[in-house]
Amino acid sequence: MSRIRIILPVLFTLGLFVGLSGCVKQDFEPPKKYEIPLGHVMTIQGLQDFCPPGNIHKFTGDTSVVAVVAMDDKSGNLYKEVFIQDANSGAVARLQSSGGLYQGDSIYINLKGTTLRRYRNLFQIDSVHVDKNVVKRAVGKEVEPKLTTIPDLKAWDHTAQLIKLENVQFVVSDTSKTYADSENLEYGELTLQDEDGNTVMVRTSGYAKFADTKVPNGMGSIIAIASRYDDDLQLLIRSTDEVVFNQPRWDMFEGYSRITIADYKELYTGSTAQITDDIYVEGVVISDDESGNYYKVLVINDGTSGIEVKINQTSLYRDYPVGTKIKVRLNGLYIGAYGGQVQIGGLYNGNFGNIDASQIAAHIEISETELEVVPTLLTIDEITDEHIGSLIRLDNVEFISSQLGQTFANEGSTTNRTLKDCSNNQIVVRTSNYAEFADATLPSGNGTFIAVLSKYNATYQLYLRYLWDADLFGERCQ
């Protein structure tokens, strides 16, 4: 009887195993393979012509584009997208999921279910499903980069295509940086320049595997995708191995002679003129645009004099904060004046204006950083024209009593207030309504005032850089 008790459970277990194994399918089916017809074939340029700017088109039939993957998202510099190109044009293919397409894949994309559009002026094929839309015809078919120049790139002839630039380098101020900020996952924007001063941005994702790689401090060649964002050209690199800067840097100031700012001012003859001599000035930034009291202006001083450098770019303080020594290559820039004060600038609509942002790297270079800027101690009656463009310090001064209780600037307009000393010598304090301290109430006491000295025609004016430079909290004059 005991033997029966032992054998029956064993038989039951064996039967259960056999029964269960009979329910398991031994021949596994491969993943479903989609039939992807080639259909009508169009070129990338044909697609762009078919869907011009401002239009969106979703495909419902079997139309295909044949291309090669020029850049994939393996490096992290792209996310769920690849750049493809054929013999003449390029485009972005935005993928429904990351991976599956790799650099050198020769493919055709059946466009059924995808959408053609432009995002910030960049032509895209949106909603590509790698399994349902793409057929790989071959692998390892590398795209040959097109040798070009920065000016040719800006003609938009190579958008979304793999290009190569030679004899280029990163601007000096970028050579201490990394390609991007991986810690904060922020994009890096670096400036590349050629020997003629033409520039282009190299943009890198904070997710790129090489985000923390230090930028090379040399000159050479670079291979990258020529992308765009609105009207801004952006280069996207696939690998730092394709940034070959193994040659000595060239110096854009080689062969140039330095002149003082005082000498530069003497070149002004009363009308706007382009500078054609190989000369430059060098000075320390004594005021930038951080507080908003200056707009698109840097004030530099070299000890002989100071001057405003007009630049068509905001937030200049990020690259050129107070205490930064810069060189300004003057050949090609313009000398002009506003309110009788000589300035460095460019040309705008035929008139004296700002240096174009695209020309900053061609004319301005940082030579030193974090220098101490010490104001010159003066009294109001000691101020002369030789102090214009200087940071000065006035002691024992105060705002006139009739203006107490008012703000530095009235709403909606740049405003003049009056500062005086105890002998009743007076000077104008001029404040933009865009200054961050514009709505601050004038301090009511006596004390120290630090500001940049300017002049409009015959009137001296002080421009405050920061609110804390108006240290007027002592007892007023008797």
Protein backbone atom coordinates (compact mmCIF):
# COMPACT_ATOMS: atom_id res chain seq x y z
CA MET A 1 0.00 0.00 0.00
CA SER A 2 2.81 2.34 0.83
CA ARG A 3 4.33 1.70 -2.60
CA ILE A 4 1.10 2.75 -4.25
CA ARG A 5 1.12 6.02 -2.29
CA ILE A 6 4.60 6.78 -3.57
CA ILE A 7 4.06 5.80 -7.20
CA LEU A 8 0.76 7.64 -7.71
CA PRO A 9 2.10 11.15 -6.91
CA VAL A 10 5.07 10.51 -9.17
CA LEU A 11 2.82 9.43 -12.02
CA PHE A 12 0.56 12.41 -11.44
CA THR A 13 3.51 14.83 -11.52
CA LEU A 14 4.93 13.22 -14.64
CA GLY A 15 1.56 13.41 -16.36
CA LEU A 16 1.18 17.05 -15.42
CA PHE A 17 4.62 17.86 -16.88
CA VAL A 18 3.83 16.01 -20.10
CA GLY A 19 0.49 17.76 -20.35
CA LEU A 20 2.01 21.18 -19.77
CA SER A 21 4.82 20.57 -22.21
CA GLY A 22 2.26 19.69 -24.79
CA CYS A 23 0.76 23.19 -24.37
CA VAL A 24 4.11 25.00 -25.05
CA LYS A 25 4.77 25.87 -28.68
CA GLN A 26 8.21 24.61 -29.60
CA ASP A 27 8.61 26.57 -32.87
CA PHE A 28 8.77 30.28 -32.03
CA GLU A 29 7.51 32.68 -34.68
CA PRO A 30 9.96 35.40 -35.72
CA PRO A 31 8.92 39.01 -35.06
CA LYS A 32 6.41 40.25 -37.55
CA LYS A 33 8.10 41.53 -40.69
CA TYR A 34 6.32 44.39 -42.39
CA GLU A 35 6.10 44.47 -46.14
CA ILE A 36 7.39 47.90 -47.13
CA PRO A 37 6.87 48.68 -50.81
CA LEU A 38 9.17 51.09 -52.61
CA GLY A 39 6.38 52.81 -54.53
CA HIS A 40 6.99 56.14 -56.22
CA VAL A 41 10.53 57.42 -55.52
CA MET A 42 11.28 61.10 -54.87
CA THR A 43 14.52 62.93 -54.08
CA ILE A 44 14.93 64.97 -50.91
CA GLN A 45 14.95 68.12 -53.01
CA GLY A 46 11.78 66.91 -54.70
CA LEU A 47 10.15 66.52 -51.28
CA GLN A 48 11.21 70.03 -50.30
CA ASP A 49 9.78 71.45 -53.51
CA PHE A 50 6.59 69.44 -52.98
CA CYS A 51 6.17 70.83 -49.46
CA PRO A 52 7.46 74.44 -49.51
CA PRO A 53 7.96 76.55 -46.36
CA GLY A 54 4.75 77.17 -44.44
CA ASN A 55 3.16 73.89 -45.60
CA ILE A 56 2.66 70.52 -43.92
CA HIS A 57 1.93 67.31 -45.81
CA LYS A 58 1.05 63.85 -44.50
CA PHE A 59 1.54 60.92 -46.85
CA THR A 60 -1.19 58.31 -47.28
CA GLY A 61 0.23 56.44 -50.26
CA ASP A 62 3.39 54.51 -51.09
CA THR A 63 6.00 57.17 -51.87
CA SER A 64 9.64 56.65 -50.88
CA VAL A 65 12.86 58.56 -50.58
CA VAL A 66 16.23 56.84 -51.02
CA ALA A 67 19.10 58.15 -48.89
CA VAL A 68 22.06 57.38 -46.64
CA VAL A 69 22.19 58.10 -42.90
CA ALA A 70 24.84 60.79 -42.46
CA MET A 71 24.44 61.17 -38.66
CA ASP A 72 22.67 59.00 -36.08
CA ASP A 73 21.76 59.49 -32.43
CA LYS A 74 24.23 57.03 -30.87
CA SER A 75 26.51 59.77 -29.55
CA GLY A 76 23.64 61.53 -27.75
CA ASN A 77 24.11 64.73 -29.75
CA LEU A 78 20.77 63.93 -31.41
CA TYR A 79 17.67 62.40 -29.83
CA LYS A 80 15.24 60.22 -31.77
CA GLU A 81 16.35 61.65 -35.08
CA VAL A 82 18.90 61.10 -37.82
CA PHE A 83 20.21 63.22 -40.67
CA ILE A 84 19.84 61.63 -44.10
CA GLN A 85 21.07 62.82 -47.46
CA ASP A 86 21.10 61.82 -51.08
CA ALA A 87 23.37 63.07 -53.85
CA ASN A 88 22.21 66.68 -53.63
CA SER A 89 20.22 67.43 -50.46
CA GLY A 90 19.71 66.54 -46.82
CA ALA A 91 16.91 66.33 -44.27
CA VAL A 92 16.13 65.32 -40.70
CA ALA A 93 14.19 62.09 -40.16
CA ARG A 94 12.44 62.26 -36.80
CA LEU A 95 11.96 58.77 -35.37
CA GLN A 96 9.14 57.45 -33.23
CA SER A 97 11.74 55.72 -31.06
CA SER A 98 15.49 56.01 -30.67
CA GLY A 99 17.91 53.66 -32.41
CA GLY A 100 17.59 51.28 -35.34
CA LEU A 101 19.22 53.54 -37.92
CA TYR A 102 22.95 54.11 -37.93
CA GLN A 103 25.54 56.18 -39.71
CA GLY A 104 26.30 54.65 -43.10
CA ASP A 105 22.98 52.82 -43.50
CA SER A 106 21.74 52.98 -47.07
CA ILE A 107 17.96 53.06 -46.78
CA TYR A 108 14.70 53.89 -48.35
CA ILE A 109 11.89 55.38 -46.32
CA ASN A 110 8.33 54.62 -47.36
CA LEU A 111 6.68 57.88 -46.40
CA LYS A 112 3.20 56.48 -45.77
CA GLY A 113 2.02 57.86 -42.41
CA THR A 114 4.90 60.33 -42.12
CA THR A 115 4.62 64.10 -42.28
CA LEU A 116 6.74 66.64 -44.10
CA ARG A 117 7.27 69.94 -42.30
CA ARG A 118 9.85 72.56 -41.44
CA TYR A 119 10.79 73.24 -37.85
CA ARG A 120 12.62 76.55 -37.38
CA ASN A 121 13.39 76.47 -41.13
CA LEU A 122 14.91 72.95 -41.02
CA PHE A 123 13.21 70.46 -43.37
CA GLN A 124 12.02 67.30 -41.57
CA ILE A 125 10.35 63.97 -42.21
CA ASP A 126 8.36 63.43 -39.05
CA SER A 127 6.99 60.28 -37.34
CA VAL A 128 9.23 57.72 -39.04
CA HIS A 129 8.70 54.17 -37.68
CA VAL A 130 11.94 52.26 -38.28
CA ASP A 131 10.21 48.86 -38.60
CA LYS A 132 7.19 50.02 -40.61
CA ASN A 133 8.70 52.74 -42.82
CA VAL A 134 12.35 51.88 -43.37
CA VAL A 135 14.16 49.28 -45.48
CA LYS A 136 17.93 48.93 -45.10
CA ARG A 137 19.52 48.27 -48.46
CA ALA A 138 23.11 48.18 -47.24
CA VAL A 139 25.32 49.22 -44.31
CA GLY A 140 28.69 50.90 -44.10
CA LYS A 141 28.00 53.31 -46.97
CA GLU A 142 29.68 56.35 -45.47
CA VAL A 143 28.73 59.81 -46.77
CA GLU A 144 31.64 61.81 -48.16
CA PRO A 145 31.65 65.27 -46.50
CA LYS A 146 31.47 68.23 -48.84
CA LEU A 147 34.46 70.53 -48.56
CA THR A 148 33.18 74.08 -48.17
CA THR A 149 33.79 77.41 -46.43
CA ILE A 150 31.91 79.35 -43.78
CA PRO A 151 30.67 82.01 -46.26
CA ASP A 152 29.40 79.26 -48.58
CA LEU A 153 27.61 77.59 -45.68
CA LYS A 154 25.76 80.81 -44.99
CA ALA A 155 24.33 80.65 -48.50
CA TRP A 156 22.32 77.64 -47.19
CA ASP A 157 23.50 75.39 -50.03
CA HIS A 158 24.54 72.59 -47.65
CA THR A 159 21.76 72.57 -45.06
CA ALA A 160 21.28 69.19 -43.33
CA GLN A 161 24.33 67.78 -45.12
CA LEU A 162 27.70 66.52 -43.97
CA ILE A 163 30.38 69.14 -44.59
CA LYS A 164 34.06 69.71 -43.94
CA LEU A 165 35.80 72.98 -43.09
CA GLU A 166 39.55 73.44 -43.21
CA ASN A 167 41.88 76.03 -41.65
CA VAL A 168 39.45 76.94 -38.86
CA GLN A 169 39.77 77.27 -35.09
CA PHE A 170 37.66 78.01 -32.05
CA VAL A 171 37.82 81.61 -30.85
CA VAL A 172 40.23 82.17 -27.98
CA SER A 173 37.49 82.72 -25.41
CA ASP A 174 36.05 79.25 -26.14
CA THR A 175 39.27 77.27 -25.90
CA SER A 176 38.97 76.97 -22.12
CA LYS A 177 35.49 75.45 -22.39
CA THR A 178 34.03 71.99 -22.94
CA TYR A 179 31.68 71.17 -25.80
CA ALA A 180 28.63 71.29 -23.51
CA ASP A 181 27.55 71.12 -19.87
CA SER A 182 26.73 67.50 -19.02
CA GLU A 183 26.23 68.23 -15.31
CA ASN A 184 23.33 70.59 -15.96
CA LEU A 185 22.45 68.96 -19.30
CA GLU A 186 22.72 72.28 -21.09
CA TYR A 187 23.69 72.89 -24.69
CA GLY A 188 27.11 74.25 -25.51
CA GLU A 189 27.43 76.98 -28.12
CA LEU A 190 30.96 77.53 -29.38
CA THR A 191 32.24 79.85 -32.09
CA LEU A 192 34.39 78.63 -34.95
CA GLN A 193 36.28 81.16 -37.08
CA ASP A 194 38.35 81.20 -40.25
CA GLU A 195 41.33 83.40 -41.06
CA ASP A 196 39.09 86.06 -42.63
CA GLY A 197 37.07 86.41 -39.41
CA ASN A 198 33.98 84.57 -40.68
CA THR A 199 32.29 82.66 -37.88
CA VAL A 200 29.83 79.82 -37.35
CA MET A 201 28.37 78.20 -34.23
CA VAL A 202 29.12 74.64 -33.11
CA ARG A 203 26.17 73.47 -30.99
CA THR A 204 26.37 70.38 -28.76
CA SER A 205 23.77 68.71 -26.57
CA GLY A 206 24.44 68.33 -22.86
CA TYR A 207 23.49 64.66 -23.35
CA ALA A 208 26.28 64.06 -25.89
CA LYS A 209 28.85 61.48 -24.79
CA PHE A 210 31.59 64.02 -25.51
CA ALA A 211 29.87 66.96 -23.76
CA ASP A 212 32.63 67.18 -21.12
CA THR A 213 35.46 66.96 -23.63
CA LYS A 214 37.67 70.06 -23.63
CA VAL A 215 37.65 72.11 -26.79
CA PRO A 216 40.93 71.81 -28.75
CA ASN A 217 43.23 74.82 -28.77
CA GLY A 218 44.60 74.54 -32.28
CA MET A 219 43.72 75.00 -35.92
CA GLY A 220 42.67 72.43 -38.49
CA SER A 221 39.63 70.73 -40.02
CA ILE A 222 36.19 69.77 -38.78
CA ILE A 223 33.53 67.44 -40.17
CA ALA A 224 29.97 68.16 -39.08
CA ILE A 225 26.34 68.38 -40.12
CA ALA A 226 25.30 71.85 -41.28
CA SER A 227 22.03 72.38 -39.44
CA ARG A 228 20.02 75.53 -38.83
CA TYR A 229 17.70 77.15 -36.32
CA ASP A 230 15.64 79.86 -38.01
CA ASP A 231 18.31 81.97 -39.71
CA ASP A 232 21.17 80.78 -37.51
CA LEU A 233 23.60 78.25 -38.92
CA GLN A 234 24.63 75.52 -36.48
CA LEU A 235 27.21 72.78 -36.88
CA LEU A 236 26.55 69.42 -35.18
CA ILE A 237 29.55 67.14 -34.77
CA ARG A 238 29.25 63.36 -34.81
CA SER A 239 32.48 62.62 -32.96
CA THR A 240 35.39 64.62 -31.56
CA ASP A 241 37.61 62.40 -33.73
CA GLU A 242 36.36 64.51 -36.63
CA VAL A 243 37.63 67.73 -35.02
CA VAL A 244 41.27 67.59 -36.06
CA PHE A 245 42.86 70.78 -34.78
CA ASN A 246 46.50 69.68 -34.67
CA GLN A 247 48.07 72.74 -36.28
CA PRO A 248 49.29 75.89 -34.50
CA ARG A 249 46.67 78.60 -34.12
CA TRP A 250 46.84 81.68 -36.27
CA ASP A 251 46.65 85.10 -34.61
CA MET A 252 44.14 87.51 -36.12
CA PHE A 253 46.20 90.39 -34.70
CA GLU A 254 49.42 89.32 -36.39
CA GLY A 255 50.76 92.22 -38.45
CA TYR A 256 48.50 94.71 -36.63
CA SER A 257 49.82 97.68 -34.66
CA ARG A 258 48.37 98.68 -31.33
CA ILE A 259 47.26 102.27 -30.82
CA THR A 260 45.92 103.86 -27.66
CA ILE A 261 42.26 104.73 -27.27
CA ALA A 262 43.28 108.38 -27.03
CA ASP A 263 45.05 108.04 -30.40
CA TYR A 264 41.99 106.34 -31.88
CA LYS A 265 39.79 109.26 -30.91
CA GLU A 266 42.16 111.59 -32.74
CA LEU A 267 41.35 109.73 -35.99
CA TYR A 268 37.80 111.09 -35.98
CA THR A 269 37.40 113.90 -38.51
CA GLY A 270 33.76 114.77 -37.85
CA SER A 271 32.00 112.15 -39.96
CA THR A 272 31.53 108.37 -39.94
CA ALA A 273 34.33 106.52 -41.72
CA GLN A 274 35.50 102.95 -42.18
CA ILE A 275 38.86 102.07 -40.70
CA THR A 276 41.18 100.52 -43.28
CA ASP A 277 44.48 100.48 -41.38
CA ASP A 278 45.77 97.32 -39.67
CA ILE A 279 45.44 98.68 -36.14
CA TYR A 280 43.81 97.64 -32.88
CA VAL A 281 43.07 98.98 -29.42
CA GLU A 282 43.18 97.06 -26.17
CA GLY A 283 41.36 97.99 -22.99
CA VAL A 284 39.68 96.70 -19.86
CA VAL A 285 35.89 96.50 -19.67
CA ILE A 286 34.88 98.98 -16.96
CA SER A 287 31.13 98.70 -17.61
CA ASP A 288 28.95 96.13 -19.37
CA ASP A 289 25.22 95.69 -19.97
CA GLU A 290 24.38 93.48 -16.99
CA SER A 291 22.27 96.02 -15.11
CA GLY A 292 20.55 97.34 -18.23
CA ASN A 293 21.78 100.90 -17.86
CA TYR A 294 23.91 100.28 -20.94
CA TYR A 295 22.37 98.49 -23.93
CA LYS A 296 24.48 96.61 -26.47
CA VAL A 297 27.54 98.55 -25.32
CA LEU A 298 30.84 97.79 -23.63
CA VAL A 299 32.89 100.63 -22.14
CA ILE A 300 36.63 99.92 -22.25
CA ASN A 301 39.55 101.95 -20.92
CA ASP A 302 43.30 101.58 -21.50
CA GLY A 303 44.61 104.22 -19.11
CA THR A 304 44.87 106.91 -21.77
CA SER A 305 41.13 107.20 -22.31
CA GLY A 306 37.91 105.24 -22.43
CA ILE A 307 35.43 104.55 -25.21
CA GLU A 308 32.12 102.86 -25.95
CA VAL A 309 32.19 99.81 -28.23
CA LYS A 310 28.77 99.38 -29.86
CA ILE A 311 27.84 95.72 -30.50
CA ASN A 312 24.55 94.39 -31.84
CA GLN A 313 24.15 91.72 -29.18
CA THR A 314 22.49 91.63 -25.77
CA SER A 315 23.86 90.07 -22.57
CA LEU A 316 27.41 91.02 -23.47
CA TYR A 317 28.34 90.72 -19.79
CA ARG A 318 28.23 86.93 -20.07
CA ASP A 319 31.27 86.89 -22.36
CA TYR A 320 32.84 90.24 -21.48
CA PRO A 321 32.16 91.04 -17.83
CA VAL A 322 33.71 93.97 -16.01
CA GLY A 323 37.42 93.28 -15.53
CA THR A 324 37.91 91.55 -18.90
CA LYS A 325 40.70 92.93 -21.08
CA ILE A 326 39.85 92.78 -24.77
CA LYS A 327 41.53 93.57 -28.06
CA VAL A 328 39.43 95.21 -30.78
CA ARG A 329 40.67 94.75 -34.34
CA LEU A 330 39.69 97.98 -36.02
CA ASN A 331 40.24 97.27 -39.71
CA GLY A 332 36.78 96.98 -41.27
CA LEU A 333 34.97 98.64 -38.37
CA TYR A 334 33.69 102.23 -38.33
CA ILE A 335 34.61 105.30 -36.34
CA GLY A 336 31.71 107.57 -35.47
CA ALA A 337 30.30 109.74 -32.73
CA TYR A 338 27.13 110.31 -30.73
CA GLY A 339 26.56 113.53 -28.83
CA GLY A 340 30.12 114.54 -29.63
CA GLN A 341 31.67 111.39 -28.17
CA VAL A 342 33.78 109.18 -30.44
CA GLN A 343 32.79 105.50 -30.49
CA ILE A 344 33.75 102.19 -32.11
CA GLY A 345 30.99 100.59 -34.14
CA GLY A 346 29.74 99.29 -37.45
CA LEU A 347 27.40 100.39 -40.19
CA TYR A 348 23.61 100.02 -40.13
CA ASN A 349 21.46 101.11 -43.07
CA GLY A 350 24.26 103.34 -44.25
CA ASN A 351 24.65 105.08 -40.89
CA PHE A 352 26.97 104.63 -37.93
CA GLY A 353 25.64 101.83 -35.74
CA ASN A 354 26.59 98.61 -33.97
CA ILE A 355 29.11 95.94 -34.90
CA ASP A 356 27.09 93.05 -36.30
CA ALA A 357 26.89 90.07 -33.94
CA SER A 358 28.28 87.79 -36.65
CA GLN A 359 31.47 89.87 -36.71
CA ILE A 360 32.23 89.85 -32.98
CA ALA A 361 34.68 86.96 -33.17
CA ALA A 362 36.38 88.53 -36.18
CA HIS A 363 37.15 91.75 -34.31
CA ILE A 364 37.11 91.15 -30.55
CA GLU A 365 39.38 88.83 -28.61
CA ILE A 366 39.81 88.37 -24.87
CA SER A 367 43.39 88.79 -23.69
CA GLU A 368 42.95 88.70 -19.88
CA THR A 369 40.13 88.14 -17.41
CA GLU A 370 39.14 89.02 -13.85
CA LEU A 371 41.23 92.17 -13.61
CA GLU A 372 40.51 94.61 -10.82
CA VAL A 373 38.86 97.83 -11.96
CA VAL A 374 39.67 100.72 -9.60
CA PRO A 375 37.78 104.01 -9.98
CA THR A 376 39.63 107.30 -10.20
CA LEU A 377 38.95 109.54 -7.20
CA LEU A 378 37.86 113.03 -8.32
CA THR A 379 35.76 115.95 -7.23
CA ILE A 380 33.03 117.30 -9.48
CA ASP A 381 35.00 120.45 -10.28
CA GLU A 382 38.08 118.38 -11.26
CA ILE A 383 36.25 116.54 -14.07
CA THR A 384 37.60 117.22 -17.58
CA ASP A 385 37.25 115.65 -21.03
CA GLU A 386 40.26 113.45 -20.42
CA HIS A 387 38.18 111.53 -17.86
CA ILE A 388 35.43 110.62 -20.35
CA GLY A 389 35.05 106.86 -20.58
CA SER A 390 36.61 106.36 -17.15
CA LEU A 391 35.20 104.89 -13.97
CA ILE A 392 35.29 107.69 -11.40
CA ARG A 393 34.53 108.02 -7.71
CA LEU A 394 33.00 111.07 -6.08
CA ASP A 395 33.00 111.42 -2.29
CA ASN A 396 30.77 113.64 -0.15
CA VAL A 397 28.03 113.96 -2.74
CA GLU A 398 24.24 113.70 -2.62
CA PHE A 399 21.17 114.10 -4.81
CA ILE A 400 19.63 117.57 -4.72
CA SER A 401 16.83 117.91 -2.18
CA SER A 402 14.13 118.72 -4.75
CA GLN A 403 14.51 115.24 -6.27
CA LEU A 404 14.45 113.21 -3.06
CA GLY A 405 11.66 110.68 -3.03
CA GLN A 406 11.87 110.22 -6.80
CA THR A 407 13.19 107.13 -8.58
CA PHE A 408 16.35 106.93 -10.67
CA ALA A 409 14.29 106.88 -13.87
CA ASN A 410 10.73 107.75 -14.74
CA GLU A 411 8.57 105.03 -16.18
CA GLY A 412 8.95 104.86 -19.93
CA SER A 413 11.91 107.21 -20.42
CA THR A 414 15.58 107.67 -19.70
CA THR A 415 15.86 110.26 -16.95
CA ASN A 416 18.37 112.79 -15.66
CA ARG A 417 18.83 113.39 -11.94
CA THR A 418 21.27 115.81 -10.33
CA LEU A 419 24.09 114.99 -7.95
CA LYS A 420 25.89 117.74 -6.03
CA ASP A 421 28.70 118.20 -3.56
CA CYS A 422 28.67 120.39 -0.47
CA SER A 423 29.98 123.35 -2.50
CA ASN A 424 26.95 122.95 -4.77
CA ASN A 425 28.97 121.78 -7.77
CA GLN A 426 26.55 119.63 -9.77
CA ILE A 427 26.59 116.84 -12.35
CA VAL A 428 23.89 114.86 -14.17
CA VAL A 429 23.19 111.21 -13.33
CA ARG A 430 21.51 109.63 -16.34
CA THR A 431 19.59 106.37 -15.98
CA SER A 432 17.80 104.23 -18.54
CA ASN A 433 14.25 103.19 -17.73
CA TYR A 434 15.42 99.66 -18.58
CA ALA A 435 18.03 99.63 -15.83
CA GLU A 436 17.23 97.06 -13.16
CA PHE A 437 17.39 99.83 -10.55
CA ALA A 438 15.32 102.32 -12.57
CA ASP A 439 12.41 102.18 -10.11
CA ALA A 440 14.62 102.35 -7.01
CA THR A 441 14.15 105.49 -4.89
CA LEU A 442 17.09 107.88 -4.88
CA PRO A 443 19.11 107.46 -1.68
CA SER A 444 18.56 110.51 0.51
CA GLY A 445 21.93 110.74 2.23
CA ASN A 446 25.45 111.86 1.46
CA GLY A 447 28.36 109.58 0.57
CA THR A 448 30.28 107.95 -2.28
CA PHE A 449 29.10 107.62 -5.87
CA ILE A 450 30.96 105.43 -8.42
CA ALA A 451 29.98 105.65 -12.09
CA VAL A 452 31.22 105.89 -15.68
CA LEU A 453 31.75 109.42 -16.93
CA SER A 454 30.24 110.34 -20.28
CA LYS A 455 29.37 113.56 -22.04
CA TYR A 456 26.55 114.62 -24.28
CA ASN A 457 27.57 117.68 -26.26
CA ALA A 458 28.59 120.08 -23.47
CA THR A 459 26.99 118.21 -20.53
CA TYR A 460 28.89 115.73 -18.39
CA GLN A 461 26.85 112.71 -17.38
CA LEU A 462 27.35 109.82 -14.97
CA TYR A 463 26.13 106.30 -15.74
CA LEU A 464 25.66 104.12 -12.67
CA ARG A 465 26.64 100.45 -13.17
CA TYR A 466 25.10 98.92 -10.05
CA LEU A 467 22.81 100.25 -7.36
CA TRP A 468 25.37 99.51 -4.64
CA ASP A 469 27.76 102.00 -6.28
CA ALA A 470 25.44 104.73 -5.00
CA ASP A 471 26.50 104.54 -1.36
CA LEU A 472 24.70 107.66 -0.15
CA PHE A 473 23.50 106.99 3.37
CA GLY A 474 25.48 109.44 5.50
CA GLU A 475 24.51 112.81 6.91
CA ARG A 476 23.65 115.35 4.22
CA CYS A 477 25.56 118.59 3.69
CA GLN A 478 24.72 121.37 6.15
